C-alpha atoms as a PDB file:
ATOM      1  CA  MET A   1       5.012 -12.084 -12.032  1.00  0.00           C
ATOM      2  CA  TYR A   2       8.236 -12.180 -14.018  1.00  0.00           C
ATOM      3  CA  GLU A   3       6.211 -13.297 -17.039  1.00  0.00           C
ATOM      4  CA  ILE A   4       3.782 -10.358 -16.795  1.00  0.00           C
ATOM      5  CA  PHE A   5       6.188  -7.573 -15.795  1.00  0.00           C
ATOM      6  CA  GLY A   6       9.170  -8.916 -17.735  1.00  0.00           C
ATOM      7  CA  LYS A   7       7.496  -8.030 -21.032  1.00  0.00           C
ATOM      8  CA  TYR A   8       8.304  -4.369 -20.350  1.00  0.00           C
ATOM      9  CA  GLY A   9      12.013  -4.645 -19.611  1.00  0.00           C
ATOM     10  CA  ALA A  10      14.796  -6.226 -17.584  1.00  0.00           C
ATOM     11  CA  ILE A  11      13.804  -6.801 -13.963  1.00  0.00           C
ATOM     12  CA  ARG A  12      16.356  -6.433 -11.179  1.00  0.00           C
ATOM     13  CA  GLN A  13      14.138  -7.935  -8.465  1.00  0.00           C
ATOM     14  CA  ILE A  14      10.585  -8.572  -7.332  1.00  0.00           C
ATOM     15  CA  ARG A  15       9.698  -8.358  -3.660  1.00  0.00           C
ATOM     16  CA  VAL A  16       6.324  -9.679  -2.511  1.00  0.00           C
ATOM     17  CA  GLY A  17       4.705  -8.319   0.651  1.00  0.00           C
ATOM     18  CA  SER A  18       4.607 -10.829   3.479  1.00  0.00           C
ATOM     19  CA  THR A  19       3.250  -8.884   6.468  1.00  0.00           C
ATOM     20  CA  LYS A  20      -0.337  -8.017   7.325  1.00  0.00           C
ATOM     21  CA  GLU A  21       0.180  -4.464   6.033  1.00  0.00           C
ATOM     22  CA  THR A  22       1.872  -5.467   2.763  1.00  0.00           C
ATOM     23  CA  ARG A  23      -0.135  -8.570   1.841  1.00  0.00           C
ATOM     24  CA  GLY A  24      -1.331  -8.334  -1.750  1.00  0.00           C
ATOM     25  CA  THR A  25       1.453  -5.956  -2.797  1.00  0.00           C
ATOM     26  CA  ALA A  26       4.693  -6.440  -4.655  1.00  0.00           C
ATOM     27  CA  TYR A  27       7.614  -4.240  -5.609  1.00  0.00           C
ATOM     28  CA  VAL A  28       8.990  -4.748  -9.098  1.00  0.00           C
ATOM     29  CA  VAL A  29      12.402  -3.143  -9.587  1.00  0.00           C
ATOM     30  CA  TYR A  30      13.418  -2.567 -13.195  1.00  0.00           C
ATOM     31  CA  GLU A  31      16.939  -1.990 -14.468  1.00  0.00           C
ATOM     32  CA  ASP A  32      15.778   1.096 -16.394  1.00  0.00           C
ATOM     33  CA  ILE A  33      13.317   3.812 -15.299  1.00  0.00           C
ATOM     34  CA  PHE A  34      11.834   3.955 -18.799  1.00  0.00           C
ATOM     35  CA  ASP A  35      10.923   0.271 -18.561  1.00  0.00           C
ATOM     36  CA  ALA A  36       9.176   0.972 -15.253  1.00  0.00           C
ATOM     37  CA  LYS A  37       7.210   3.819 -16.855  1.00  0.00           C
ATOM     38  CA  ASN A  38       6.228   1.561 -19.734  1.00  0.00           C
ATOM     39  CA  ALA A  39       4.994  -1.095 -17.275  1.00  0.00           C
ATOM     40  CA  VAL A  40       2.991   1.475 -15.283  1.00  0.00           C
ATOM     41  CA  ASP A  41       1.418   2.816 -18.469  1.00  0.00           C
ATOM     42  CA  HIS A  42       0.442  -0.621 -19.805  1.00  0.00           C
ATOM     43  CA  LEU A  43      -0.317  -2.704 -16.709  1.00  0.00           C
ATOM     44  CA  SER A  44      -2.452  -0.359 -14.587  1.00  0.00           C
ATOM     45  CA  GLY A  45      -5.923  -1.900 -14.679  1.00  0.00           C
ATOM     46  CA  PHE A  46      -4.692  -5.159 -16.255  1.00  0.00           C
ATOM     47  CA  ASN A  47      -6.763  -8.167 -15.152  1.00  0.00           C
ATOM     48  CA  VAL A  48      -4.827 -11.130 -13.707  1.00  0.00           C
ATOM     49  CA  GLN A  49      -6.776 -14.091 -12.307  1.00  0.00           C
ATOM     50  CA  ASN A  50      -9.925 -11.944 -11.949  1.00  0.00           C
ATOM     51  CA  ARG A  51      -8.067  -9.222 -10.031  1.00  0.00           C
ATOM     52  CA  TYR A  52      -7.108  -5.847 -11.419  1.00  0.00           C
ATOM     53  CA  LEU A  53      -3.560  -4.608 -11.001  1.00  0.00           C
ATOM     54  CA  ILE A  54      -2.877  -1.180  -9.567  1.00  0.00           C
ATOM     55  CA  VAL A  55       0.612  -0.260 -10.700  1.00  0.00           C
ATOM     56  CA  LEU A  56       2.242   2.784  -9.088  1.00  0.00           C
ATOM     57  CA  TYR A  57       5.688   4.252  -8.647  1.00  0.00           C
ATOM     58  CA  TYR A  58       7.241   3.781  -5.217  1.00  0.00           C
ATOM     59  CA  ASN A  59       7.063   7.029  -3.249  1.00  0.00           C
ATOM     60  CA  PRO A  60       9.263   7.059  -0.104  1.00  0.00           C
ATOM     61  CA  ALA A  61       7.697  10.289   1.202  1.00  0.00           C
ATOM     62  CA  LYS A  62       4.234   8.745   1.036  1.00  0.00           C
ATOM     63  CA  MET A  63       5.445   5.623   2.845  1.00  0.00           C
ATOM     64  CA  LYS A  64       6.916   7.793   5.621  1.00  0.00           C
ATOM     65  CA  ALA A  65       3.589   9.597   5.981  1.00  0.00           C
ATOM     66  CA  LYS A  66       1.900   6.209   6.346  1.00  0.00           C
ATOM     67  CA  ALA A  67       4.267   5.354   9.214  1.00  0.00           C
ATOM     68  CA  SER A  68       3.432   8.693  10.791  1.00  0.00           C
ATOM     69  CA  LEU A  69      -0.265   7.816  10.554  1.00  0.00           C
ATOM     70  CA  LYS A  70       0.414   4.596  12.481  1.00  0.00           C
ATOM     71  CA  GLU A  71       2.097   6.646  15.197  1.00  0.00           C
ATOM     72  CA  GLN A  72      -0.935   8.971  15.359  1.00  0.00           C
ATOM     73  CA  GLU A  73      -3.309   6.018  15.608  1.00  0.00           C
ATOM     74  CA  GLU A  74      -1.236   4.517  18.430  1.00  0.00           C
ATOM     75  CA  SER A  75      -1.213   7.854  20.261  1.00  0.00           C
ATOM     76  CA  LEU A  76      -4.998   8.143  19.872  1.00  0.00           C
ATOM     77  CA  ARG A  77      -5.489   4.605  21.199  1.00  0.00           C
ATOM     78  CA  LYS A  78      -3.377   5.403  24.272  1.00  0.00           C
ATOM     79  CA  MET A  79      -5.382   8.586  24.948  1.00  0.00           C
ATOM     80  CA  GLN A  80      -8.645   6.667  24.611  1.00  0.00           C
ATOM     81  CA  GLU A  81      -7.424   4.146  27.189  1.00  0.00           C
ATOM     82  CA  LYS A  82      -6.191   6.888  29.517  1.00  0.00           C
ATOM     83  CA  PHE A  83      -9.508   8.758  29.516  1.00  0.00           C
ATOM     84  CA  GLY A  84     -11.793   5.715  29.286  1.00  0.00           C
ATOM     85  CA  VAL A  85     -13.196   6.610  25.868  1.00  0.00           C
ATOM     86  CA  ASP A  86     -14.078   3.884  23.396  1.00  0.00           C
ATOM     87  CA  GLY A  87     -13.969   6.097  20.291  1.00  0.00           C
ATOM     88  CA  GLN A  88     -17.579   5.356  19.300  1.00  0.00           C
ATOM     89  CA  GLN A  89     -20.457   7.826  19.048  1.00  0.00           C
ATOM     90  CA  HIS A  90     -23.328   7.185  21.429  1.00  0.00           C
ATOM     91  CA  PRO A  91     -26.829   8.659  21.338  1.00  0.00           C
ATOM     92  CA  ALA A  92     -27.484  11.567  23.666  1.00  0.00           C
ATOM     93  CA  PRO A  93     -29.386  10.610  26.821  1.00  0.00           C
ATOM     94  CA  ALA A  94     -33.168  11.244  26.716  1.00  0.00           C
ATOM     95  CA  ARG A  95     -34.320  14.356  28.586  1.00  0.00           C
END
């Protein structure tokens, strides 16, 4: 990763996702924002080992919204359990 991303500037750190939710992701932190922009511009869609890179800027607000979505999903699951609903659509009974 340092070899690929290092071509665009000095890297402060690279963090690779290790949980179920972050598997397949990595955070590359550059020393300079202009280097990060250059990497985003040149590496988005780049093919590495038959996989295409999706390179984005980190957005804390978006990550918070994702956490909120998890909370909503958990709340929905609890309501489904409480009311005995499985969350699937079933055909209407024949008349």
